[in-house]
Amino acid sequence: MYNWRVVYLRPEREGVVPASEAWIPEARRRLVDDHFPWDEVGTRPEMWEDRLSEVYRWLEQHSALYRLIATGLLARVEPILDQLQAAVLEVEPDRLFVKVDASHITKSPESILEKMARKWPGLEQAPPVSFHNVDQLNDLGRFRIVANFLGDVDDITRHLSEPYDARKASLLTPAQRLLRDEFTLHDNRFEDLILVPPNSRTSGERCRKGRFSPRQPELRGHQVEVQIVTLLQEAWDKKDHCLIYERVRRGEHVPLMHQIICTDLSAQLFVADSQFEQLRREGLPRREESTGTSELQENQRAPA
């Protein structure tokens, strides 16, 4: 998922190739100066700061469509979450099941330009993502579903994936059918970044990640990323983001030991998540065996 470099590059999390950290500032400058369509948008400002501001304005306008798409997707996802929560509360009343974080529903212009720079390994080739194909970035629109327990992550992932499994077509709820009718799920599944073998994991990010696109022909190339995480996974991400990722993005030196500690802390929180899930399952009332969540959900399902 991430490479072996001492510098914390996050290639799979951010969808980038292993570019040298020293190259990133120059890559950003060259993207702005040499690859932005100045002839199409107007006069090219003389000052670097003014050129950068103009590029940020362009990216802000370009990503506005993703806010609408992500908002539409969220409107189709929330009824599914509401039905799941109602079923859970029948068995486990008064507990938190899920919350949605759509506070950063579109990627910031600064982060977009940064990601474009990180995908460009060097001058020996043209930038793989520039302003003419920026829609290839898969998280310009995004939101996060934050669940309480690992088992909740599994349930939510399953119910958002079921609409794209032909074997489940006759069992879908009306809300699931609406999601299927209006959006596609890339590869018909969520990527599992929680259960990654230790010898394959080089970062602490743990989530289920899916990419949805509208079925409307003119919007099919636009992707919205949906992450499903636990509360502990979200807490780790918010700390790692400011302690590691943002410092690297600003070009600051981040000691290797800091990176190691943050990754190890994620593993510790995963162990805690696993133990909390075990406690939850062992403490469930026995009536779940006869009435449980699955039966309640089946009662909500409508004929296809």
C-alpha atoms as a PDB file:
ATOM      1  CA  MET A   1       0.000   0.000   0.000  1.00  0.00           C
ATOM      2  CA  TYR A   2       2.832   2.372   0.845  1.00  0.00           C
ATOM      3  CA  ASN A   3       6.411   2.079  -0.300  1.00  0.00           C
ATOM      4  CA  TRP A   4       9.660   1.377   1.492  1.00  0.00           C
ATOM      5  CA  ARG A   5      10.984   4.920   1.445  1.00  0.00           C
ATOM      6  CA  VAL A   6      11.942   6.617   4.685  1.00  0.00           C
ATOM      7  CA  VAL A   7       9.769   9.550   3.646  1.00  0.00           C
ATOM      8  CA  TYR A   8       6.091   8.972   4.396  1.00  0.00           C
ATOM      9  CA  LEU A   9       4.546   9.108   0.916  1.00  0.00           C
ATOM     10  CA  ARG A  10       1.210   7.286   1.360  1.00  0.00           C
ATOM     11  CA  PRO A  11       1.055   6.129  -2.240  1.00  0.00           C
ATOM     12  CA  GLU A  12      -1.967   3.855  -1.953  1.00  0.00           C
ATOM     13  CA  ARG A  13      -3.869   6.043   0.467  1.00  0.00           C
ATOM     14  CA  GLU A  14      -3.359   9.083  -1.696  1.00  0.00           C
ATOM     15  CA  GLY A  15      -3.179   7.196  -4.972  1.00  0.00           C
ATOM     16  CA  VAL A  16       0.349   8.300  -5.857  1.00  0.00           C
ATOM     17  CA  VAL A  17       3.581   6.790  -7.137  1.00  0.00           C
ATOM     18  CA  PRO A  18       6.844   6.993  -5.201  1.00  0.00           C
ATOM     19  CA  ALA A  19       7.946  10.513  -6.097  1.00  0.00           C
ATOM     20  CA  SER A  20      10.870  12.059  -4.274  1.00  0.00           C
ATOM     21  CA  GLU A  21       9.837  14.526  -1.576  1.00  0.00           C
ATOM     22  CA  ALA A  22      12.477  16.931  -2.880  1.00  0.00           C
ATOM     23  CA  TRP A  23      10.746  16.944  -6.275  1.00  0.00           C
ATOM     24  CA  ILE A  24       7.249  17.778  -5.004  1.00  0.00           C
ATOM     25  CA  PRO A  25       7.622  21.606  -4.688  1.00  0.00           C
ATOM     26  CA  GLU A  26       9.180  21.801  -8.152  1.00  0.00           C
ATOM     27  CA  ALA A  27       6.456  19.528  -9.564  1.00  0.00           C
ATOM     28  CA  ARG A  28       3.769  21.847  -8.167  1.00  0.00           C
ATOM     29  CA  ARG A  29       5.465  24.870  -9.706  1.00  0.00           C
ATOM     30  CA  ARG A  30       5.853  23.225 -13.098  1.00  0.00           C
ATOM     31  CA  LEU A  31       2.229  22.071 -13.077  1.00  0.00           C
ATOM     32  CA  VAL A  32       1.131  25.641 -12.485  1.00  0.00           C
ATOM     33  CA  ASP A  33       3.580  27.299 -14.872  1.00  0.00           C
ATOM     34  CA  ASP A  34       3.845  24.783 -17.703  1.00  0.00           C
ATOM     35  CA  HIS A  35       0.693  22.649 -17.671  1.00  0.00           C
ATOM     36  CA  PHE A  36      -2.146  24.910 -16.581  1.00  0.00           C
ATOM     37  CA  PRO A  37      -4.264  25.990 -19.602  1.00  0.00           C
ATOM     38  CA  TRP A  38      -3.484  29.692 -19.315  1.00  0.00           C
ATOM     39  CA  ASP A  39      -4.410  30.300 -22.944  1.00  0.00           C
ATOM     40  CA  GLU A  40      -7.933  29.064 -22.204  1.00  0.00           C
ATOM     41  CA  VAL A  41      -8.602  30.830 -18.914  1.00  0.00           C
ATOM     42  CA  GLY A  42      -7.100  34.258 -19.561  1.00  0.00           C
ATOM     43  CA  THR A  43      -3.984  36.226 -18.802  1.00  0.00           C
ATOM     44  CA  ARG A  44      -1.118  34.479 -17.046  1.00  0.00           C
ATOM     45  CA  PRO A  45      -0.211  36.544 -13.946  1.00  0.00           C
ATOM     46  CA  GLU A  46       3.398  37.628 -13.539  1.00  0.00           C
ATOM     47  CA  MET A  47       3.702  36.797  -9.830  1.00  0.00           C
ATOM     48  CA  TRP A  48       3.923  33.170  -8.715  1.00  0.00           C
ATOM     49  CA  GLU A  49       1.536  33.762  -5.824  1.00  0.00           C
ATOM     50  CA  ASP A  50      -1.060  35.185  -8.214  1.00  0.00           C
ATOM     51  CA  ARG A  51      -0.675  32.261 -10.607  1.00  0.00           C
ATOM     52  CA  LEU A  52      -1.083  29.811  -7.743  1.00  0.00           C
ATOM     53  CA  SER A  53      -4.207  31.614  -6.515  1.00  0.00           C
ATOM     54  CA  GLU A  54      -5.697  31.490 -10.006  1.00  0.00           C
ATOM     55  CA  VAL A  55      -5.033  27.741 -10.225  1.00  0.00           C
ATOM     56  CA  TYR A  56      -6.639  27.219  -6.821  1.00  0.00           C
ATOM     57  CA  ARG A  57      -9.727  29.140  -7.974  1.00  0.00           C
ATOM     58  CA  TRP A  58      -9.936  26.968 -11.083  1.00  0.00           C
ATOM     59  CA  LEU A  59      -9.675  23.761  -9.045  1.00  0.00           C
ATOM     60  CA  GLU A  60     -12.299  25.032  -6.602  1.00  0.00           C
ATOM     61  CA  GLN A  61     -14.719  25.657  -9.465  1.00  0.00           C
ATOM     62  CA  HIS A  62     -13.911  22.314 -11.091  1.00  0.00           C
ATOM     63  CA  SER A  63     -14.568  20.348  -7.914  1.00  0.00           C
ATOM     64  CA  ALA A  64     -17.929  22.048  -7.281  1.00  0.00           C
ATOM     65  CA  LEU A  65     -19.685  19.371  -9.343  1.00  0.00           C
ATOM     66  CA  TYR A  66     -18.311  16.713  -7.012  1.00  0.00           C
ATOM     67  CA  ARG A  67     -20.063  18.353  -4.085  1.00  0.00           C
ATOM     68  CA  LEU A  68     -23.388  17.854  -5.865  1.00  0.00           C
ATOM     69  CA  ILE A  69     -22.606  14.248  -6.804  1.00  0.00           C
ATOM     70  CA  ALA A  70     -21.372  13.347  -3.317  1.00  0.00           C
ATOM     71  CA  THR A  71     -24.425  14.995  -1.757  1.00  0.00           C
ATOM     72  CA  GLY A  72     -26.686  12.967  -4.060  1.00  0.00           C
ATOM     73  CA  LEU A  73     -24.853   9.757  -3.158  1.00  0.00           C
ATOM     74  CA  LEU A  74     -25.130  10.538   0.536  1.00  0.00           C
ATOM     75  CA  ALA A  75     -28.876  11.006   0.124  1.00  0.00           C
ATOM     76  CA  ARG A  76     -29.067   7.423  -1.192  1.00  0.00           C
ATOM     77  CA  VAL A  77     -26.765   5.964   1.477  1.00  0.00           C
ATOM     78  CA  GLU A  78     -28.352   7.530   4.560  1.00  0.00           C
ATOM     79  CA  PRO A  79     -31.703   5.674   4.334  1.00  0.00           C
ATOM     80  CA  ILE A  80     -29.774   2.390   4.254  1.00  0.00           C
ATOM     81  CA  LEU A  81     -27.860   3.444   7.363  1.00  0.00           C
ATOM     82  CA  ASP A  82     -31.104   4.496   9.059  1.00  0.00           C
ATOM     83  CA  GLN A  83     -32.661   1.079   8.448  1.00  0.00           C
ATOM     84  CA  LEU A  84     -29.572  -0.664   9.786  1.00  0.00           C
ATOM     85  CA  GLN A  85     -29.521   1.524  12.871  1.00  0.00           C
ATOM     86  CA  ALA A  86     -33.196   0.849  13.581  1.00  0.00           C
ATOM     87  CA  ALA A  87     -32.533  -2.889  13.385  1.00  0.00           C
ATOM     88  CA  VAL A  88     -29.490  -2.660  15.659  1.00  0.00           C
ATOM     89  CA  LEU A  89     -31.328  -0.650  18.285  1.00  0.00           C
ATOM     90  CA  GLU A  90     -33.981  -3.363  18.521  1.00  0.00           C
ATOM     91  CA  VAL A  91     -31.271  -5.643  19.923  1.00  0.00           C
ATOM     92  CA  GLU A  92     -28.861  -3.151  21.484  1.00  0.00           C
ATOM     93  CA  PRO A  93     -30.914  -0.105  22.533  1.00  0.00           C
ATOM     94  CA  ASP A  94     -29.320   3.231  23.334  1.00  0.00           C
ATOM     95  CA  ARG A  95     -25.930   2.592  21.754  1.00  0.00           C
ATOM     96  CA  LEU A  96     -24.168   4.564  19.042  1.00  0.00           C
ATOM     97  CA  PHE A  97     -24.225   2.741  15.728  1.00  0.00           C
ATOM     98  CA  VAL A  98     -23.000   5.143  13.071  1.00  0.00           C
ATOM     99  CA  LYS A  99     -22.401   8.773  12.154  1.00  0.00           C
ATOM    100  CA  VAL A 100     -21.530  10.385   8.826  1.00  0.00           C
ATOM    101  CA  ASP A 101     -18.686  12.857   8.379  1.00  0.00           C
ATOM    102  CA  ALA A 102     -19.253  14.959   5.260  1.00  0.00           C
ATOM    103  CA  SER A 103     -17.404  18.003   6.575  1.00  0.00           C
ATOM    104  CA  HIS A 104     -14.821  17.769   3.764  1.00  0.00           C
ATOM    105  CA  ILE A 105     -17.058  16.487   1.007  1.00  0.00           C
ATOM    106  CA  THR A 106     -14.731  17.830  -1.693  1.00  0.00           C
ATOM    107  CA  LYS A 107     -10.950  17.775  -1.758  1.00  0.00           C
ATOM    108  CA  SER A 108      -9.322  21.173  -1.218  1.00  0.00           C
ATOM    109  CA  PRO A 109      -7.541  22.841  -4.168  1.00  0.00           C
ATOM    110  CA  GLU A 110      -4.272  22.684  -2.224  1.00  0.00           C
ATOM    111  CA  SER A 111      -4.634  18.927  -1.738  1.00  0.00           C
ATOM    112  CA  ILE A 112      -5.617  18.380  -5.375  1.00  0.00           C
ATOM    113  CA  LEU A 113      -2.521  20.135  -6.663  1.00  0.00           C
ATOM    114  CA  GLU A 114      -0.395  18.277  -4.122  1.00  0.00           C
ATOM    115  CA  LYS A 115      -1.787  14.944  -5.267  1.00  0.00           C
ATOM    116  CA  MET A 116      -1.163  15.803  -8.918  1.00  0.00           C
ATOM    117  CA  ALA A 117       2.445  16.625  -8.038  1.00  0.00           C
ATOM    118  CA  ARG A 118       2.904  13.375  -6.119  1.00  0.00           C
ATOM    119  CA  LYS A 119       1.676  11.339  -9.068  1.00  0.00           C
ATOM    120  CA  TRP A 120       4.376  12.884 -11.282  1.00  0.00           C
ATOM    121  CA  PRO A 121       7.647  10.987 -10.781  1.00  0.00           C
ATOM    122  CA  GLY A 122       9.822  13.451 -12.703  1.00  0.00           C
ATOM    123  CA  LEU A 123      10.586  15.474 -15.820  1.00  0.00           C
ATOM    124  CA  GLU A 124      11.463  12.412 -17.883  1.00  0.00           C
ATOM    125  CA  GLN A 125       7.740  12.057 -18.602  1.00  0.00           C
ATOM    126  CA  ALA A 126       4.645  14.220 -18.790  1.00  0.00           C
ATOM    127  CA  PRO A 127       2.583  14.477 -15.581  1.00  0.00           C
ATOM    128  CA  PRO A 128       0.181  11.509 -15.524  1.00  0.00           C
ATOM    129  CA  VAL A 129      -2.535  13.708 -14.022  1.00  0.00           C
ATOM    130  CA  SER A 130      -2.798  17.326 -15.043  1.00  0.00           C
ATOM    131  CA  PHE A 131      -5.586  19.848 -15.441  1.00  0.00           C
ATOM    132  CA  HIS A 132      -7.040  18.237 -18.567  1.00  0.00           C
ATOM    133  CA  ASN A 133      -7.598  14.882 -16.802  1.00  0.00           C
ATOM    134  CA  VAL A 134      -7.914  15.855 -13.155  1.00  0.00           C
ATOM    135  CA  ASP A 135     -11.112  13.781 -12.964  1.00  0.00           C
ATOM    136  CA  GLN A 136      -8.918  10.676 -12.869  1.00  0.00           C
ATOM    137  CA  LEU A 137      -8.329  11.440  -9.198  1.00  0.00           C
ATOM    138  CA  ASN A 138     -10.754   9.209  -7.324  1.00  0.00           C
ATOM    139  CA  ASP A 139     -11.413  11.277  -4.210  1.00  0.00           C
ATOM    140  CA  LEU A 140     -12.327  14.757  -5.436  1.00  0.00           C
ATOM    141  CA  GLY A 141     -15.678  14.017  -3.827  1.00  0.00           C
ATOM    142  CA  ARG A 142     -15.748  11.959  -0.649  1.00  0.00           C
ATOM    143  CA  PHE A 143     -17.358  11.366   2.700  1.00  0.00           C
ATOM    144  CA  ARG A 144     -16.716   9.074   5.624  1.00  0.00           C
ATOM    145  CA  ILE A 145     -19.051   6.711   7.459  1.00  0.00           C
ATOM    146  CA  VAL A 146     -17.907   6.286  11.053  1.00  0.00           C
ATOM    147  CA  ALA A 147     -19.168   3.166  12.829  1.00  0.00           C
ATOM    148  CA  ASN A 148     -18.877   2.265  16.493  1.00  0.00           C
ATOM    149  CA  PHE A 149     -17.670  -1.342  16.222  1.00  0.00           C
ATOM    150  CA  LEU A 150     -15.791  -3.438  13.678  1.00  0.00           C
ATOM    151  CA  GLY A 151     -18.934  -5.555  13.289  1.00  0.00           C
ATOM    152  CA  ASP A 152     -20.835  -2.400  12.343  1.00  0.00           C
ATOM    153  CA  VAL A 153     -18.253  -1.676   9.641  1.00  0.00           C
ATOM    154  CA  ASP A 154     -18.853  -5.172   8.265  1.00  0.00           C
ATOM    155  CA  ASP A 155     -22.641  -4.738   8.297  1.00  0.00           C
ATOM    156  CA  ILE A 156     -22.525  -1.336   6.597  1.00  0.00           C
ATOM    157  CA  THR A 157     -20.059  -2.540   3.978  1.00  0.00           C
ATOM    158  CA  ARG A 158     -22.223  -5.550   3.224  1.00  0.00           C
ATOM    159  CA  HIS A 159     -25.426  -3.526   2.825  1.00  0.00           C
ATOM    160  CA  LEU A 160     -23.775  -0.963   0.555  1.00  0.00           C
ATOM    161  CA  SER A 161     -22.249  -3.747  -1.559  1.00  0.00           C
ATOM    162  CA  GLU A 162     -25.324  -5.986  -1.813  1.00  0.00           C
ATOM    163  CA  PRO A 163     -27.039  -3.845  -4.485  1.00  0.00           C
ATOM    164  CA  TYR A 164     -24.192  -4.794  -6.849  1.00  0.00           C
ATOM    165  CA  ASP A 165     -24.409  -8.549  -6.239  1.00  0.00           C
ATOM    166  CA  ALA A 166     -26.831 -10.148  -8.699  1.00  0.00           C
ATOM    167  CA  ARG A 167     -27.421 -12.993  -6.252  1.00  0.00           C
ATOM    168  CA  LYS A 168     -29.009 -10.540  -3.800  1.00  0.00           C
ATOM    169  CA  ALA A 169     -31.241  -8.728  -6.316  1.00  0.00           C
ATOM    170  CA  SER A 170     -34.499 -10.235  -5.007  1.00  0.00           C
ATOM    171  CA  LEU A 171     -33.658  -9.324  -1.401  1.00  0.00           C
ATOM    172  CA  LEU A 172     -32.842  -5.645  -1.773  1.00  0.00           C
ATOM    173  CA  THR A 173     -34.688  -2.996   0.172  1.00  0.00           C
ATOM    174  CA  PRO A 174     -36.196  -0.069  -1.768  1.00  0.00           C
ATOM    175  CA  ALA A 175     -33.356   2.125  -0.487  1.00  0.00           C
ATOM    176  CA  GLN A 176     -30.747  -0.330  -1.763  1.00  0.00           C
ATOM    177  CA  ARG A 177     -32.430  -0.470  -5.169  1.00  0.00           C
ATOM    178  CA  LEU A 178     -32.379   3.311  -5.440  1.00  0.00           C
ATOM    179  CA  LEU A 179     -28.661   3.319  -4.701  1.00  0.00           C
ATOM    180  CA  ARG A 180     -28.076   0.658  -7.371  1.00  0.00           C
ATOM    181  CA  ASP A 181     -30.246   2.433  -9.943  1.00  0.00           C
ATOM    182  CA  GLU A 182     -28.484   5.785  -9.591  1.00  0.00           C
ATOM    183  CA  PHE A 183     -24.856   4.849  -8.837  1.00  0.00           C
ATOM    184  CA  THR A 184     -22.319   2.217  -9.788  1.00  0.00           C
ATOM    185  CA  LEU A 185     -19.770   0.799  -7.338  1.00  0.00           C
ATOM    186  CA  HIS A 186     -16.360   0.325  -8.909  1.00  0.00           C
ATOM    187  CA  ASP A 187     -15.371  -3.360  -9.004  1.00  0.00           C
ATOM    188  CA  ASN A 188     -18.741  -4.033  -7.290  1.00  0.00           C
ATOM    189  CA  ARG A 189     -17.021  -4.086  -3.921  1.00  0.00           C
ATOM    190  CA  PHE A 190     -15.268  -2.118  -1.203  1.00  0.00           C
ATOM    191  CA  GLU A 191     -11.508  -2.375  -0.891  1.00  0.00           C
ATOM    192  CA  ASP A 192     -10.511  -3.862   2.472  1.00  0.00           C
ATOM    193  CA  LEU A 193      -7.723  -1.833   4.095  1.00  0.00           C
ATOM    194  CA  ILE A 194      -8.513  -3.163   7.576  1.00  0.00           C
ATOM    195  CA  LEU A 195      -7.529  -6.813   7.238  1.00  0.00           C
ATOM    196  CA  VAL A 196      -4.238  -6.402   5.376  1.00  0.00           C
ATOM    197  CA  PRO A 197      -1.548  -9.032   6.134  1.00  0.00           C
ATOM    198  CA  PRO A 198       1.280  -7.642   8.287  1.00  0.00           C
ATOM    199  CA  ASN A 199       3.914  -8.302   5.630  1.00  0.00           C
ATOM    200  CA  SER A 200       1.847  -6.276   3.124  1.00  0.00           C
ATOM    201  CA  ARG A 201       1.056  -3.322   5.388  1.00  0.00           C
ATOM    202  CA  THR A 202       3.349  -0.300   5.432  1.00  0.00           C
ATOM    203  CA  SER A 203       0.941   2.267   6.858  1.00  0.00           C
ATOM    204  CA  GLY A 204      -1.603   2.501   9.616  1.00  0.00           C
ATOM    205  CA  GLU A 205      -4.631   3.443   7.511  1.00  0.00           C
ATOM    206  CA  ARG A 206      -7.484   1.011   8.186  1.00  0.00           C
ATOM    207  CA  CYS A 207     -10.838   1.407   6.456  1.00  0.00           C
ATOM    208  CA  ARG A 208     -13.179  -0.073   3.883  1.00  0.00           C
ATOM    209  CA  LYS A 209     -13.040   2.074   0.781  1.00  0.00           C
ATOM    210  CA  GLY A 210     -15.507   2.178  -2.111  1.00  0.00           C
ATOM    211  CA  ARG A 211     -15.695   4.379  -5.200  1.00  0.00           C
ATOM    212  CA  PHE A 212     -19.114   5.285  -6.600  1.00  0.00           C
ATOM    213  CA  SER A 213     -20.009   6.972  -9.889  1.00  0.00           C
ATOM    214  CA  PRO A 214     -23.353   8.287 -11.163  1.00  0.00           C
ATOM    215  CA  ARG A 215     -25.037   6.235 -13.864  1.00  0.00           C
ATOM    216  CA  GLN A 216     -25.878   9.376 -15.839  1.00  0.00           C
ATOM    217  CA  PRO A 217     -23.817   9.076 -19.044  1.00  0.00           C
ATOM    218  CA  GLU A 218     -22.400  12.592 -18.783  1.00  0.00           C
ATOM    219  CA  LEU A 219     -21.220  11.979 -15.197  1.00  0.00           C
ATOM    220  CA  ARG A 220     -19.906   8.421 -15.352  1.00  0.00           C
ATOM    221  CA  GLY A 221     -16.282   9.518 -15.197  1.00  0.00           C
ATOM    222  CA  HIS A 222     -16.782  11.279 -11.873  1.00  0.00           C
ATOM    223  CA  GLN A 223     -15.953   9.285  -8.744  1.00  0.00           C
ATOM    224  CA  VAL A 224     -16.886   9.752  -5.100  1.00  0.00           C
ATOM    225  CA  GLU A 225     -14.886   7.912  -2.469  1.00  0.00           C
ATOM    226  CA  VAL A 226     -16.703   6.465   0.547  1.00  0.00           C
ATOM    227  CA  GLN A 227     -14.668   5.336   3.535  1.00  0.00           C
ATOM    228  CA  ILE A 228     -16.126   3.194   6.324  1.00  0.00           C
ATOM    229  CA  VAL A 229     -14.109   3.300   9.555  1.00  0.00           C
ATOM    230  CA  THR A 230     -14.517   2.751  13.271  1.00  0.00           C
ATOM    231  CA  LEU A 231     -14.397   5.570  15.794  1.00  0.00           C
ATOM    232  CA  LEU A 232     -10.892   4.503  16.827  1.00  0.00           C
ATOM    233  CA  GLN A 233      -9.713   4.351  13.219  1.00  0.00           C
ATOM    234  CA  GLU A 234     -11.085   7.827  12.608  1.00  0.00           C
ATOM    235  CA  ALA A 235      -9.370   9.120  15.761  1.00  0.00           C
ATOM    236  CA  TRP A 236      -6.043   7.714  14.583  1.00  0.00           C
ATOM    237  CA  ASP A 237      -6.464   9.239  11.128  1.00  0.00           C
ATOM    238  CA  LYS A 238      -7.182  12.709  12.472  1.00  0.00           C
ATOM    239  CA  LYS A 239      -4.035  12.597  14.623  1.00  0.00           C
ATOM    240  CA  ASP A 240      -1.820  11.059  11.961  1.00  0.00           C
ATOM    241  CA  HIS A 241      -3.065  13.634   9.443  1.00  0.00           C
ATOM    242  CA  CYS A 242      -1.715  16.592  11.386  1.00  0.00           C
ATOM    243  CA  LEU A 243       1.288  14.895  13.011  1.00  0.00           C
ATOM    244  CA  ILE A 244       2.637  13.198   9.876  1.00  0.00           C
ATOM    245  CA  TYR A 245       0.821  13.803   6.600  1.00  0.00           C
ATOM    246  CA  GLU A 246       0.402  17.573   6.707  1.00  0.00           C
ATOM    247  CA  ARG A 247       3.975  18.066   7.893  1.00  0.00           C
ATOM    248  CA  VAL A 248       5.252  15.999   4.959  1.00  0.00           C
ATOM    249  CA  ARG A 249       2.962  17.899   2.582  1.00  0.00           C
ATOM    250  CA  ARG A 250       4.459  21.190   3.773  1.00  0.00           C
ATOM    251  CA  GLY A 251       7.928  19.864   3.075  1.00  0.00           C
ATOM    252  CA  GLU A 252       8.933  19.537   6.721  1.00  0.00           C
ATOM    253  CA  HIS A 253      11.261  16.813   7.935  1.00  0.00           C
ATOM    254  CA  VAL A 254       9.388  14.106   9.812  1.00  0.00           C
ATOM    255  CA  PRO A 255      11.621  11.709  11.766  1.00  0.00           C
ATOM    256  CA  LEU A 256      11.311   8.083  10.785  1.00  0.00           C
ATOM    257  CA  MET A 257      10.605   7.162  14.409  1.00  0.00           C
ATOM    258  CA  HIS A 258       7.516   9.408  14.380  1.00  0.00           C
ATOM    259  CA  GLN A 259       6.218   7.539  11.345  1.00  0.00           C
ATOM    260  CA  ILE A 260       6.910   4.162  12.945  1.00  0.00           C
ATOM    261  CA  ILE A 261       5.179   5.160  16.182  1.00  0.00           C
ATOM    262  CA  CYS A 262       2.071   6.414  14.373  1.00  0.00           C
ATOM    263  CA  THR A 263       1.805   3.226  12.337  1.00  0.00           C
ATOM    264  CA  ASP A 264       2.255   1.082  15.440  1.00  0.00           C
ATOM    265  CA  LEU A 265      -0.396   3.079  17.292  1.00  0.00           C
ATOM    266  CA  SER A 266      -2.855   2.234  14.539  1.00  0.00           C
ATOM    267  CA  ALA A 267      -2.145  -1.457  15.112  1.00  0.00           C
ATOM    268  CA  GLN A 268      -2.743  -1.042  18.833  1.00  0.00           C
ATOM    269  CA  LEU A 269      -6.085   0.633  18.177  1.00  0.00           C
ATOM    270  CA  PHE A 270      -7.024  -2.200  15.823  1.00  0.00           C
ATOM    271  CA  VAL A 271      -6.379  -4.655  18.648  1.00  0.00           C
ATOM    272  CA  ALA A 272      -8.601  -2.528  20.895  1.00  0.00           C
ATOM    273  CA  ASP A 273     -11.299  -2.486  18.195  1.00  0.00           C
ATOM    274  CA  SER A 274     -11.114  -6.279  17.964  1.00  0.00           C
ATOM    275  CA  GLN A 275     -11.434  -6.708  21.710  1.00  0.00           C
ATOM    276  CA  PHE A 276     -14.346  -4.260  21.929  1.00  0.00           C
ATOM    277  CA  GLU A 277     -16.071  -6.228  19.169  1.00  0.00           C
ATOM    278  CA  GLN A 278     -15.550  -9.459  21.104  1.00  0.00           C
ATOM    279  CA  LEU A 279     -17.021  -7.905  24.253  1.00  0.00           C
ATOM    280  CA  ARG A 280     -19.997  -6.609  22.289  1.00  0.00           C
ATOM    281  CA  ARG A 281     -20.753  -9.994  20.750  1.00  0.00           C
ATOM    282  CA  GLU A 282     -20.372 -11.868  24.022  1.00  0.00           C
ATOM    283  CA  GLY A 283     -22.645  -9.378  25.770  1.00  0.00           C
ATOM    284  CA  LEU A 284     -25.479  -9.461  23.229  1.00  0.00           C
ATOM    285  CA  PRO A 285     -28.799 -10.660  24.673  1.00  0.00           C
ATOM    286  CA  ARG A 286     -29.673 -14.221  23.744  1.00  0.00           C
ATOM    287  CA  ARG A 287     -32.842 -13.070  22.047  1.00  0.00           C
ATOM    288  CA  GLU A 288     -30.629 -11.991  19.117  1.00  0.00           C
ATOM    289  CA  GLU A 289     -30.399 -15.689  18.267  1.00  0.00           C
ATOM    290  CA  SER A 290     -34.113 -15.806  17.583  1.00  0.00           C
ATOM    291  CA  THR A 291     -35.012 -12.281  16.499  1.00  0.00           C
ATOM    292  CA  GLY A 292     -31.551 -10.820  15.666  1.00  0.00           C
ATOM    293  CA  THR A 293     -30.564  -8.086  13.310  1.00  0.00           C
ATOM    294  CA  SER A 294     -30.692 -10.285  10.235  1.00  0.00           C
ATOM    295  CA  GLU A 295     -34.369 -11.215  10.738  1.00  0.00           C
ATOM    296  CA  LEU A 296     -35.320  -7.620  11.386  1.00  0.00           C
ATOM    297  CA  GLN A 297     -33.591  -6.598   8.194  1.00  0.00           C
ATOM    298  CA  GLU A 298     -35.326  -9.345   6.238  1.00  0.00           C
ATOM    299  CA  ASN A 299     -38.677  -8.011   7.450  1.00  0.00           C
ATOM    300  CA  GLN A 300     -37.816  -4.652   5.924  1.00  0.00           C
ATOM    301  CA  ARG A 301     -36.954  -6.054   2.539  1.00  0.00           C
ATOM    302  CA  ALA A 302     -39.417  -5.569  -0.266  1.00  0.00           C
ATOM    303  CA  PRO A 303     -39.960  -7.860  -3.285  1.00  0.00           C
ATOM    304  CA  ALA A 304     -37.817  -7.014  -6.284  1.00  0.00           C
END
